[in-house]
Amino acid sequence: MKKLFLFLVCLTAVSLVHAQKKLTDENTLVVNDSITLKVGDEFIVNLPYAYEFVSIEEHKKRFNLKNLKKIGHVGSAVGGSLGFIGVATENIGVLSTGVDIITKAGAVTSVGMTAEAIDELTVSDRSKKIIAKKMRISAFQEMGSAENGYTYFAIPNIIGDKKKFKVEIEPALRTNEIILVQE
């Protein structure tokens, strides 16, 4: 009974988190009712959460099954790990504390890093090319359906470069892959 209750609480929490993102118009994204991003806003790319960025990728206009498969594997691994911890401990407080520690204590800022310091990092070459770069949001993209829920992406480019990227803002903020530039 406890496990069923814990599962339902986790499921409810996940659904609430996903329900708190919305496009108010085509130029404005609101995340968790506290962060408002608009086309033209800027952020700095921080260090990747893992060897590669989890929430940042090059934006390709065509549909790519490989990227979808990659996202599925990452989501499956993360969901499986969190589910295992929650079931094993039967304590949601332990689970949320662990996640807080990972995301907050592990935040290492890339701002002000030299090119030599970035080269020394144990991350992919693709990641090294965008660490500490300033990006400007040029559009937002909505994916999903009313039945399964929506995911929102910012489509920014590195300032002074035409190459576009696709950033899922909420997880990027949660994993400290991006730092919002305050006006």
Protein backbone atom coordinates (compact mmCIF):
# COMPACT_ATOMS: atom_id res chain seq x y z
CA MET A 1 0.00 0.00 0.00
CA LYS A 2 2.84 2.39 0.87
CA LYS A 3 4.52 1.72 -2.48
CA LEU A 4 1.30 2.41 -4.38
CA PHE A 5 0.79 5.66 -2.46
CA LEU A 6 4.41 6.72 -3.10
CA PHE A 7 4.02 5.92 -6.81
CA LEU A 8 0.84 8.02 -7.03
CA VAL A 9 2.50 10.95 -5.22
CA CYS A 10 5.49 10.81 -7.62
CA LEU A 11 3.17 10.58 -10.63
CA THR A 12 1.18 13.59 -9.40
CA ALA A 13 4.37 15.60 -8.79
CA VAL A 14 5.67 14.82 -12.28
CA SER A 15 2.36 15.83 -13.87
CA LEU A 16 2.33 19.11 -11.91
CA VAL A 17 5.87 19.96 -13.05
CA HIS A 18 4.96 19.33 -16.67
CA ALA A 19 1.77 21.38 -16.36
CA GLN A 20 3.66 24.49 -15.29
CA LYS A 21 5.13 25.41 -18.68
CA LYS A 22 3.21 27.38 -21.25
CA LEU A 23 3.55 29.69 -24.20
CA THR A 24 1.51 32.79 -23.44
CA ASP A 25 2.02 33.91 -27.04
CA GLU A 26 4.46 32.92 -29.78
CA ASN A 27 7.15 35.19 -28.28
CA THR A 28 6.84 34.40 -24.55
CA LEU A 29 7.43 31.22 -22.52
CA VAL A 30 6.51 31.02 -18.82
CA VAL A 31 8.16 28.30 -16.71
CA ASN A 32 6.81 27.44 -13.22
CA ASP A 33 4.94 30.77 -13.06
CA SER A 34 8.18 32.48 -11.99
CA ILE A 35 10.46 32.60 -15.04
CA THR A 36 9.37 34.47 -18.14
CA LEU A 37 11.48 34.25 -21.27
CA LYS A 38 10.90 36.27 -24.41
CA VAL A 39 12.31 36.21 -27.91
CA GLY A 40 15.49 38.31 -27.72
CA ASP A 41 16.39 37.25 -24.16
CA GLU A 42 19.90 35.92 -23.60
CA PHE A 43 21.53 33.20 -21.53
CA ILE A 44 25.03 31.78 -21.07
CA VAL A 45 25.77 28.12 -21.71
CA ASN A 46 27.23 26.56 -18.56
CA LEU A 47 28.90 23.16 -18.20
CA PRO A 48 27.05 20.06 -19.43
CA TYR A 49 25.28 17.92 -16.85
CA ALA A 50 27.05 14.85 -18.23
CA TYR A 51 29.63 14.19 -20.96
CA GLU A 52 27.18 15.74 -23.47
CA PHE A 53 24.55 18.40 -22.88
CA VAL A 54 21.24 16.82 -21.87
CA SER A 55 18.99 19.77 -22.73
CA ILE A 56 20.90 21.49 -25.54
CA GLU A 57 21.33 20.19 -29.08
CA GLU A 58 21.78 21.56 -32.56
CA HIS A 59 18.45 22.51 -34.09
CA LYS A 60 17.65 20.53 -37.19
CA LYS A 61 14.46 21.27 -39.03
CA ARG A 62 13.88 17.71 -40.18
CA PHE A 63 12.53 14.95 -37.96
CA ASN A 64 15.29 12.62 -36.78
CA LEU A 65 14.47 9.25 -35.20
CA LYS A 66 18.00 8.95 -33.76
CA ASN A 67 17.47 12.04 -31.59
CA LEU A 68 14.10 10.76 -30.43
CA LYS A 69 15.67 7.44 -29.49
CA LYS A 70 18.46 9.24 -27.57
CA ILE A 71 15.92 11.30 -25.61
CA GLY A 72 13.99 8.12 -24.81
CA HIS A 73 17.10 6.40 -23.47
CA VAL A 74 18.03 9.37 -21.25
CA GLY A 75 14.47 9.71 -19.96
CA SER A 76 14.26 5.99 -19.31
CA ALA A 77 17.53 5.92 -17.39
CA VAL A 78 16.65 8.94 -15.27
CA GLY A 79 13.12 7.75 -14.60
CA GLY A 80 14.31 4.26 -13.73
CA SER A 81 16.94 5.55 -11.32
CA LEU A 82 14.54 7.88 -9.55
CA GLY A 83 11.87 5.20 -9.39
CA PHE A 84 14.34 2.72 -7.90
CA ILE A 85 15.49 5.18 -5.25
CA GLY A 86 11.92 6.10 -4.35
CA VAL A 87 10.79 2.50 -4.08
CA ALA A 88 13.93 1.36 -2.24
CA THR A 89 13.78 4.07 0.42
CA GLU A 90 10.00 4.43 0.56
CA ASN A 91 10.66 8.04 1.52
CA ILE A 92 9.90 10.91 -0.84
CA GLY A 93 11.85 13.33 1.38
CA VAL A 94 15.07 11.39 0.75
CA LEU A 95 14.38 11.42 -2.97
CA SER A 96 13.80 15.18 -3.17
CA THR A 97 16.80 15.93 -0.94
CA GLY A 98 19.04 13.81 -3.16
CA VAL A 99 17.85 15.60 -6.28
CA ASP A 100 18.36 19.00 -4.61
CA ILE A 101 21.91 18.08 -3.61
CA ILE A 102 22.77 16.87 -7.10
CA THR A 103 21.41 19.96 -8.87
CA LYS A 104 22.43 22.69 -6.42
CA ALA A 105 25.74 21.51 -4.97
CA GLY A 106 26.95 20.29 -8.36
CA ALA A 107 26.50 23.66 -10.04
CA VAL A 108 29.86 24.67 -11.44
CA THR A 109 29.86 27.88 -13.39
CA SER A 110 31.64 28.23 -16.70
CA VAL A 111 31.47 32.02 -16.79
CA GLY A 112 34.97 33.46 -16.92
CA MET A 113 36.66 30.17 -17.82
CA THR A 114 39.63 30.47 -20.14
CA ALA A 115 39.85 28.53 -23.40
CA GLU A 116 42.60 26.40 -21.83
CA ALA A 117 40.39 25.55 -18.84
CA ILE A 118 37.52 24.55 -21.15
CA ASP A 119 39.90 22.34 -23.18
CA GLU A 120 40.91 20.52 -19.97
CA LEU A 121 37.30 19.53 -19.16
CA THR A 122 36.23 15.93 -19.54
CA VAL A 123 33.36 16.65 -21.91
CA SER A 124 32.78 16.05 -25.62
CA ASP A 125 34.37 18.28 -28.25
CA ARG A 126 30.87 19.30 -29.36
CA SER A 127 30.13 20.49 -25.81
CA LYS A 128 33.42 22.37 -25.53
CA LYS A 129 32.49 24.47 -28.58
CA ILE A 130 29.48 26.05 -26.85
CA ILE A 131 30.56 26.23 -23.16
CA ALA A 132 30.61 29.83 -21.87
CA LYS A 133 28.97 31.15 -25.07
CA LYS A 134 26.16 33.69 -24.89
CA MET A 135 23.00 32.72 -26.77
CA ARG A 136 20.00 34.80 -27.82
CA ILE A 137 16.51 33.29 -28.16
CA SER A 138 15.10 33.75 -31.67
CA ALA A 139 11.91 31.64 -31.34
CA PHE A 140 10.06 29.04 -29.30
CA GLN A 141 8.88 25.64 -30.47
CA GLU A 142 6.04 23.57 -29.03
CA MET A 143 6.04 19.79 -29.43
CA GLY A 144 3.53 17.21 -28.25
CA SER A 145 -0.22 16.96 -28.01
CA ALA A 146 -3.03 17.80 -25.60
CA GLU A 147 -3.38 14.09 -24.87
CA ASN A 148 0.28 13.45 -23.97
CA GLY A 149 1.32 16.93 -22.89
CA TYR A 150 3.51 19.57 -24.48
CA THR A 151 7.23 20.21 -24.34
CA TYR A 152 8.57 23.66 -25.10
CA PHE A 153 11.95 24.48 -26.60
CA ALA A 154 13.78 27.76 -27.02
CA ILE A 155 15.50 28.13 -30.40
CA PRO A 156 18.57 30.31 -29.74
CA ASN A 157 21.77 30.96 -31.61
CA ILE A 158 25.23 31.92 -30.38
CA ILE A 159 25.49 35.68 -30.68
CA GLY A 160 27.37 36.44 -33.90
CA ASP A 161 26.76 32.97 -35.35
CA LYS A 162 23.87 31.70 -37.48
CA LYS A 163 23.88 28.09 -36.20
CA LYS A 164 20.70 27.45 -34.23
CA PHE A 165 20.26 25.25 -31.19
CA LYS A 166 17.29 23.66 -29.46
CA VAL A 167 17.14 24.08 -25.67
CA GLU A 168 14.54 22.57 -23.36
CA ILE A 169 14.56 25.43 -20.85
CA GLU A 170 13.17 23.83 -17.67
CA PRO A 171 15.59 20.88 -17.52
CA ALA A 172 18.47 23.09 -18.67
CA LEU A 173 17.83 25.41 -15.71
CA ARG A 174 17.35 22.51 -13.29
CA THR A 175 20.66 20.89 -14.32
CA ASN A 176 22.47 24.25 -14.50
CA GLU A 177 23.34 23.81 -18.18
CA ILE A 178 22.31 27.43 -18.78
CA ILE A 179 22.51 30.64 -16.77
CA LEU A 180 19.89 33.30 -17.47
CA VAL A 181 21.26 36.79 -18.09
CA GLN A 182 19.44 39.30 -15.90
CA GLU A 183 18.55 42.61 -17.51
